[in-house]
Amino acid sequence: MAVPKKRTSTSKKRIRKNVWKKKGYWAALKAFSLAKSLSTGNSKSFFRSWVNPTTELEKE
């Protein structure tokens, strides 16, 4: 027979919620840091091939 589980305390619920929110904060911080380093050209861990738009127009 199914028995309902005990109720989770408010403090435990808050702790879990804050841990979940903190994960999102760190993910957003890392993404912003990577975007900033890509825009300045200082990225050491992310490689991207650059295409010069003026040479693309000259080919046509």
PDB file of N, CA and C in Angstrom:
ATOM      1  N   MET A   1       0.828  -1.171   0.000  1.00  0.00           N
ATOM      2  CA  MET A   1       0.000   0.000   0.000  1.00  0.00           C
ATOM      3  C   MET A   1       0.887   1.253   0.000  1.00  0.00           C
ATOM      4  N   ALA A   2       0.531   2.245  -0.796  1.00  0.00           N
ATOM      5  CA  ALA A   2       1.328   3.473  -0.904  1.00  0.00           C
ATOM      6  C   ALA A   2       1.153   4.326   0.345  1.00  0.00           C
ATOM      7  N   VAL A   3       2.288   4.783   0.857  1.00  0.00           N
ATOM      8  CA  VAL A   3       2.277   5.626   2.046  1.00  0.00           C
ATOM      9  C   VAL A   3       2.902   6.966   1.677  1.00  0.00           C
ATOM     10  N   PRO A   4       2.273   8.079   2.041  1.00  0.00           N
ATOM     11  CA  PRO A   4       2.856   9.378   1.711  1.00  0.00           C
ATOM     12  C   PRO A   4       4.171   9.605   2.463  1.00  0.00           C
ATOM     13  N   LYS A   5       5.091  10.295   1.790  1.00  0.00           N
ATOM     14  CA  LYS A   5       6.387  10.578   2.406  1.00  0.00           C
ATOM     15  C   LYS A   5       6.251  11.716   3.403  1.00  0.00           C
ATOM     16  N   LYS A   6       7.278  11.842   4.236  1.00  0.00           N
ATOM     17  CA  LYS A   6       7.267  12.935   5.205  1.00  0.00           C
ATOM     18  C   LYS A   6       7.461  14.258   4.486  1.00  0.00           C
ATOM     19  N   ARG A   7       6.940  15.293   5.073  1.00  0.00           N
ATOM     20  CA  ARG A   7       7.027  16.634   4.496  1.00  0.00           C
ATOM     21  C   ARG A   7       8.452  17.169   4.593  1.00  0.00           C
ATOM     22  N   THR A   8       8.927  17.807   3.501  1.00  0.00           N
ATOM     23  CA  THR A   8      10.252  18.425   3.508  1.00  0.00           C
ATOM     24  C   THR A   8      10.189  19.746   4.265  1.00  0.00           C
ATOM     25  N   SER A   9      11.170  19.969   5.105  1.00  0.00           N
ATOM     26  CA  SER A   9      11.168  21.191   5.914  1.00  0.00           C
ATOM     27  C   SER A   9      11.413  22.412   5.025  1.00  0.00           C
ATOM     28  N   THR A  10      10.997  23.555   5.503  1.00  0.00           N
ATOM     29  CA  THR A  10      11.139  24.807   4.754  1.00  0.00           C
ATOM     30  C   THR A  10      12.605  25.150   4.533  1.00  0.00           C
ATOM     31  N   SER A  11      13.428  24.928   5.550  1.00  0.00           N
ATOM     32  CA  SER A  11      14.853  25.259   5.415  1.00  0.00           C
ATOM     33  C   SER A  11      15.525  24.368   4.371  1.00  0.00           C
ATOM     34  N   LYS A  12      15.175  23.091   4.360  1.00  0.00           N
ATOM     35  CA  LYS A  12      15.739  22.172   3.373  1.00  0.00           C
ATOM     36  C   LYS A  12      15.323  22.578   1.968  1.00  0.00           C
ATOM     37  N   LYS A  13      14.067  23.000   1.842  1.00  0.00           N
ATOM     38  CA  LYS A  13      13.546  23.438   0.544  1.00  0.00           C
ATOM     39  C   LYS A  13      14.291  24.679   0.050  1.00  0.00           C
ATOM     40  N   ARG A  14      14.529  25.624   0.968  1.00  0.00           N
ATOM     41  CA  ARG A  14      15.262  26.849   0.611  1.00  0.00           C
ATOM     42  C   ARG A  14      16.700  26.552   0.202  1.00  0.00           C
ATOM     43  N   ILE A  15      17.340  25.646   0.933  1.00  0.00           N
ATOM     44  CA  ILE A  15      18.725  25.270   0.616  1.00  0.00           C
ATOM     45  C   ILE A  15      18.791  24.697  -0.795  1.00  0.00           C
ATOM     46  N   ARG A  16      17.910  23.759  -1.105  1.00  0.00           N
ATOM     47  CA  ARG A  16      17.910  23.131  -2.434  1.00  0.00           C
ATOM     48  C   ARG A  16      17.627  24.152  -3.534  1.00  0.00           C
ATOM     49  N   LYS A  17      16.703  25.060  -3.265  1.00  0.00           N
ATOM     50  CA  LYS A  17      16.362  26.083  -4.257  1.00  0.00           C
ATOM     51  C   LYS A  17      17.535  27.014  -4.509  1.00  0.00           C
ATOM     52  N   ASN A  18      18.242  27.403  -3.449  1.00  0.00           N
ATOM     53  CA  ASN A  18      19.393  28.289  -3.591  1.00  0.00           C
ATOM     54  C   ASN A  18      20.547  27.607  -4.319  1.00  0.00           C
ATOM     55  N   VAL A  19      20.751  26.315  -4.073  1.00  0.00           N
ATOM     56  CA  VAL A  19      21.784  25.565  -4.797  1.00  0.00           C
ATOM     57  C   VAL A  19      21.442  25.539  -6.282  1.00  0.00           C
ATOM     58  N   TRP A  20      20.175  25.314  -6.598  1.00  0.00           N
ATOM     59  CA  TRP A  20      19.723  25.276  -7.988  1.00  0.00           C
ATOM     60  C   TRP A  20      19.913  26.630  -8.667  1.00  0.00           C
ATOM     61  N   LYS A  21      19.591  27.710  -7.947  1.00  0.00           N
ATOM     62  CA  LYS A  21      19.773  29.055  -8.502  1.00  0.00           C
ATOM     63  C   LYS A  21      21.250  29.374  -8.704  1.00  0.00           C
ATOM     64  N   LYS A  22      22.092  28.940  -7.780  1.00  0.00           N
ATOM     65  CA  LYS A  22      23.525  29.225  -7.859  1.00  0.00           C
ATOM     66  C   LYS A  22      24.146  28.544  -9.077  1.00  0.00           C
ATOM     67  N   LYS A  23      23.671  27.354  -9.428  1.00  0.00           N
ATOM     68  CA  LYS A  23      24.173  26.663 -10.615  1.00  0.00           C
ATOM     69  C   LYS A  23      23.917  27.501 -11.867  1.00  0.00           C
ATOM     70  N   GLY A  24      22.726  28.064 -11.963  1.00  0.00           N
ATOM     71  CA  GLY A  24      22.387  28.919 -13.101  1.00  0.00           C
ATOM     72  C   GLY A  24      23.233  30.176 -13.127  1.00  0.00           C
ATOM     73  N   TYR A  25      23.524  30.723 -11.952  1.00  0.00           N
ATOM     74  CA  TYR A  25      24.344  31.930 -11.867  1.00  0.00           C
ATOM     75  C   TYR A  25      25.741  31.664 -12.406  1.00  0.00           C
ATOM     76  N   TRP A  26      26.357  30.545 -11.989  1.00  0.00           N
ATOM     77  CA  TRP A  26      27.715  30.243 -12.445  1.00  0.00           C
ATOM     78  C   TRP A  26      27.754  29.930 -13.935  1.00  0.00           C
ATOM     79  N   ALA A  27      26.716  29.267 -14.457  1.00  0.00           N
ATOM     80  CA  ALA A  27      26.660  28.971 -15.886  1.00  0.00           C
ATOM     81  C   ALA A  27      26.559  30.264 -16.691  1.00  0.00           C
ATOM     82  N   ALA A  28      25.751  31.202 -16.220  1.00  0.00           N
ATOM     83  CA  ALA A  28      25.601  32.488 -16.910  1.00  0.00           C
ATOM     84  C   ALA A  28      26.895  33.290 -16.834  1.00  0.00           C
ATOM     85  N   LEU A  29      27.571  33.231 -15.692  1.00  0.00           N
ATOM     86  CA  LEU A  29      28.828  33.956 -15.528  1.00  0.00           C
ATOM     87  C   LEU A  29      29.902  33.427 -16.480  1.00  0.00           C
ATOM     88  N   LYS A  30      29.982  32.099 -16.625  1.00  0.00           N
ATOM     89  CA  LYS A  30      30.950  31.494 -17.537  1.00  0.00           C
ATOM     90  C   LYS A  30      30.640  31.852 -18.981  1.00  0.00           C
ATOM     91  N   ALA A  31      29.348  31.813 -19.346  1.00  0.00           N
ATOM     92  CA  ALA A  31      28.951  32.146 -20.712  1.00  0.00           C
ATOM     93  C   ALA A  31      29.280  33.603 -21.032  1.00  0.00           C
ATOM     94  N   PHE A  32      29.031  34.482 -20.086  1.00  0.00           N
ATOM     95  CA  PHE A  32      29.324  35.900 -20.291  1.00  0.00           C
ATOM     96  C   PHE A  32      30.825  36.131 -20.412  1.00  0.00           C
ATOM     97  N   SER A  33      31.599  35.418 -19.580  1.00  0.00           N
ATOM     98  CA  SER A  33      33.048  35.550 -19.628  1.00  0.00           C
ATOM     99  C   SER A  33      33.595  35.075 -20.979  1.00  0.00           C
ATOM    100  N   LEU A  34      33.064  33.968 -21.491  1.00  0.00           N
ATOM    101  CA  LEU A  34      33.501  33.456 -22.789  1.00  0.00           C
ATOM    102  C   LEU A  34      33.135  34.422 -23.907  1.00  0.00           C
ATOM    103  N   ALA A  35      31.936  34.972 -23.852  1.00  0.00           N
ATOM    104  CA  ALA A  35      31.504  35.936 -24.864  1.00  0.00           C
ATOM    105  C   ALA A  35      32.384  37.182 -24.837  1.00  0.00           C
ATOM    106  N   LYS A  36      32.741  37.620 -23.630  1.00  0.00           N
ATOM    107  CA  LYS A  36      33.587  38.799 -23.489  1.00  0.00           C
ATOM    108  C   LYS A  36      34.983  38.540 -24.063  1.00  0.00           C
ATOM    109  N   SER A  37      35.533  37.358 -23.790  1.00  0.00           N
ATOM    110  CA  SER A  37      36.869  37.049 -24.292  1.00  0.00           C
ATOM    111  C   SER A  37      36.855  36.864 -25.810  1.00  0.00           C
ATOM    112  N   LEU A  38      35.755  36.344 -26.353  1.00  0.00           N
ATOM    113  CA  LEU A  38      35.647  36.202 -27.815  1.00  0.00           C
ATOM    114  C   LEU A  38      35.556  37.562 -28.485  1.00  0.00           C
ATOM    115  N   SER A  39      34.825  38.468 -27.878  1.00  0.00           N
ATOM    116  CA  SER A  39      34.651  39.780 -28.495  1.00  0.00           C
ATOM    117  C   SER A  39      35.933  40.608 -28.468  1.00  0.00           C
ATOM    118  N   THR A  40      36.769  40.392 -27.443  1.00  0.00           N
ATOM    119  CA  THR A  40      38.020  41.132 -27.370  1.00  0.00           C
ATOM    120  C   THR A  40      39.148  40.410 -28.083  1.00  0.00           C
ATOM    121  N   GLY A  41      38.947  39.128 -28.408  1.00  0.00           N
ATOM    122  CA  GLY A  41      39.982  38.356 -29.088  1.00  0.00           C
ATOM    123  C   GLY A  41      40.993  37.747 -28.145  1.00  0.00           C
ATOM    124  N   ASN A  42      40.703  37.690 -26.861  1.00  0.00           N
ATOM    125  CA  ASN A  42      41.638  37.143 -25.874  1.00  0.00           C
ATOM    126  C   ASN A  42      41.333  35.704 -25.486  1.00  0.00           C
ATOM    127  N   SER A  43      40.507  35.030 -26.257  1.00  0.00           N
ATOM    128  CA  SER A  43      40.103  33.676 -25.898  1.00  0.00           C
ATOM    129  C   SER A  43      41.253  32.693 -26.083  1.00  0.00           C
ATOM    130  N   LYS A  44      41.476  31.853 -25.066  1.00  0.00           N
ATOM    131  CA  LYS A  44      42.520  30.837 -25.121  1.00  0.00           C
ATOM    132  C   LYS A  44      41.925  29.438 -25.257  1.00  0.00           C
ATOM    133  N   SER A  45      40.641  29.283 -24.961  1.00  0.00           N
ATOM    134  CA  SER A  45      40.051  27.949 -24.922  1.00  0.00           C
ATOM    135  C   SER A  45      38.992  27.730 -26.003  1.00  0.00           C
ATOM    136  N   PHE A  46      38.707  28.725 -26.787  1.00  0.00           N
ATOM    137  CA  PHE A  46      37.641  28.614 -27.774  1.00  0.00           C
ATOM    138  C   PHE A  46      38.195  29.080 -29.110  1.00  0.00           C
ATOM    139  N   PHE A  47      38.168  28.201 -30.108  1.00  0.00           N
ATOM    140  CA  PHE A  47      38.731  28.538 -31.409  1.00  0.00           C
ATOM    141  C   PHE A  47      37.617  28.795 -32.407  1.00  0.00           C
ATOM    142  N   ARG A  48      37.797  29.844 -33.185  1.00  0.00           N
ATOM    143  CA  ARG A  48      36.785  30.225 -34.162  1.00  0.00           C
ATOM    144  C   ARG A  48      37.505  30.740 -35.398  1.00  0.00           C
ATOM    145  N   SER A  49      37.073  30.285 -36.569  1.00  0.00           N
ATOM    146  CA  SER A  49      37.718  30.760 -37.793  1.00  0.00           C
ATOM    147  C   SER A  49      37.114  32.098 -38.184  1.00  0.00           C
ATOM    148  N   TRP A  50      37.967  33.045 -38.471  1.00  0.00           N
ATOM    149  CA  TRP A  50      37.535  34.389 -38.824  1.00  0.00           C
ATOM    150  C   TRP A  50      37.454  34.520 -40.334  1.00  0.00           C
ATOM    151  N   VAL A  51      36.368  35.093 -40.829  1.00  0.00           N
ATOM    152  CA  VAL A  51      36.193  35.341 -42.250  1.00  0.00           C
ATOM    153  C   VAL A  51      36.133  36.849 -42.445  1.00  0.00           C
ATOM    154  N   ASN A  52      36.992  37.343 -43.312  1.00  0.00           N
ATOM    155  CA  ASN A  52      37.019  38.769 -43.579  1.00  0.00           C
ATOM    156  C   ASN A  52      35.902  39.095 -44.579  1.00  0.00           C
ATOM    157  N   PRO A  53      34.941  39.930 -44.226  1.00  0.00           N
ATOM    158  CA  PRO A  53      33.806  40.201 -45.111  1.00  0.00           C
ATOM    159  C   PRO A  53      34.218  40.906 -46.407  1.00  0.00           C
ATOM    160  N   THR A  54      35.305  41.660 -46.402  1.00  0.00           N
ATOM    161  CA  THR A  54      35.706  42.379 -47.621  1.00  0.00           C
ATOM    162  C   THR A  54      36.250  41.413 -48.657  1.00  0.00           C
ATOM    163  N   THR A  55      36.947  40.366 -48.230  1.00  0.00           N
ATOM    164  CA  THR A  55      37.456  39.391 -49.193  1.00  0.00           C
ATOM    165  C   THR A  55      36.323  38.550 -49.758  1.00  0.00           C
ATOM    166  N   GLU A  56      35.303  38.305 -48.973  1.00  0.00           N
ATOM    167  CA  GLU A  56      34.143  37.554 -49.453  1.00  0.00           C
ATOM    168  C   GLU A  56      33.417  38.338 -50.556  1.00  0.00           C
ATOM    169  N   LEU A  57      33.337  39.643 -50.413  1.00  0.00           N
ATOM    170  CA  LEU A  57      32.663  40.469 -51.416  1.00  0.00           C
ATOM    171  C   LEU A  57      33.491  40.578 -52.700  1.00  0.00           C
ATOM    172  N   GLU A  58      34.815  40.567 -52.573  1.00  0.00           N
ATOM    173  CA  GLU A  58      35.680  40.675 -53.741  1.00  0.00           C
ATOM    174  C   GLU A  58      35.629  39.428 -54.616  1.00  0.00           C
ATOM    175  N   LYS A  59      35.352  38.272 -54.016  1.00  0.00           N
ATOM    176  CA  LYS A  59      35.284  37.026 -54.773  1.00  0.00           C
ATOM    177  C   LYS A  59      34.110  37.023 -55.741  1.00  0.00           C
ATOM    178  N   GLU A  60      33.038  37.676 -55.382  1.00  0.00           N
ATOM    179  CA  GLU A  60      31.832  37.677 -56.218  1.00  0.00           C
ATOM    180  C   GLU A  60      31.949  38.582 -57.361  1.00  0.00           C
TER     181      GLU A  60
END
